[in-house]
Structure formats: structure tokens, C-alpha cells
Amino acid sequence: MKEVKDFLKDPDRNQVVIRYTGKRMNVACDWAKFRNPILMFLRAFLNEVLGNLPPCSLKNHLYRLMGVKIGRDVAICPKVSLDPLFPELITIENGVTLGWGCKIFTHELTTDKIKLGRVVVGERALVGGYSLIRAGVTIGKNSIVSACSAVNRNVEDGDVVAGIPVEKISGGRR
């Protein structure tokens, strides 16, 4: 799909919603038209293997090979899942901790559209275990996302958020 390629080439665009006009009943059946299936399967396999490792520099290096932009001193706990379909849309800045089992999505497929969005986790942010980050979200530096939260909107620098969907609990941390 030309729209997907155009979005991936333009780092200034944070998200895009593309209407599906294919012949299948939903866009999820046609995902192979906008991503290389072999590369996708390789990334998915690597994501599963890495999900069982403790935080370490080797794990971060292998995620970088998948296309994720990862800063230094990043701790990615076990069972974390980084979107294997569009990992190049994820940026994890220096000093971030991703808690056990959290998930970061860069795409959302529905029956009639695909949404792609860049995800940025700012410097020294903490994302609590089993949290979910949706496509197109930026989590500000020095912020905290409480465990089991669904981040469906941007989190400002220094804010503490929690809930499904997230709500601000406090701000101005650090």
C-alpha cells in the first residue's frame, strides 16, 4: 500500500488512518500486502524469544536489529511485547523501564481501516507491568504509567497516570 510506505518515509507524521478498499472482508486478512511476510514472521519469532529474557544489553541490541530505536540504560522486562509488524515506529529513549508484560502497539487493524502511529517513550519514563500503549502515543520524560493501564493518549512530561483509559493522577514528578 502506497499510503503505508509514504507514512513510513515521513518522520514528521505521528499517525495516519488509511481506509481499506481491498476485496477481503477486513484489512487484517490483507496485512501481507503492506509488510513482507517472511520478515514479519522472523520479527514475531524474535519477539517471542526476547520476551523470555531478563533485561540486558543483548536483548536491547536484538530489538534494535528488528528496527526499534532504543537508547542507553533501557530495561525491558520479560514478557514485554513490541509490535512486530511495525517495530521501526517505536522509540524508547534513555533510562526507560518497561515493566513485565507491557505491550506497545504501532498499528490497529479494523474491518475497514488501518491506523499506524509512532510511539515514543520519553527519557526515564516508567511503564508499569501489563500496561498497553496504543499507536500514536507519546509518553513524556520522567513520567509514570501505573501497572495495568491502557494508554490511549499522550502523557505529559513528569505526569503519573493510571487506569483504563489512563487518567492523570499527579504531575510534576522530578
Foldseek 3Di string as FASTA:
>chain_A
DVVVVVVVVDPVDFKDKFWDDDDDQWCVVVLCVPFPVVQLVVLVVLQQVLLADFFDPVSVVVLVVLQAAEEPCEGEGHLEGEASSCNNLEYEYAQEYEERNEYEDQWDIDRTIIMGGREYEEANEYEYHHEYEYGSEYEAHCEYEYHNEYDPYYHYHAFYWYHDDIDTPDGDHD
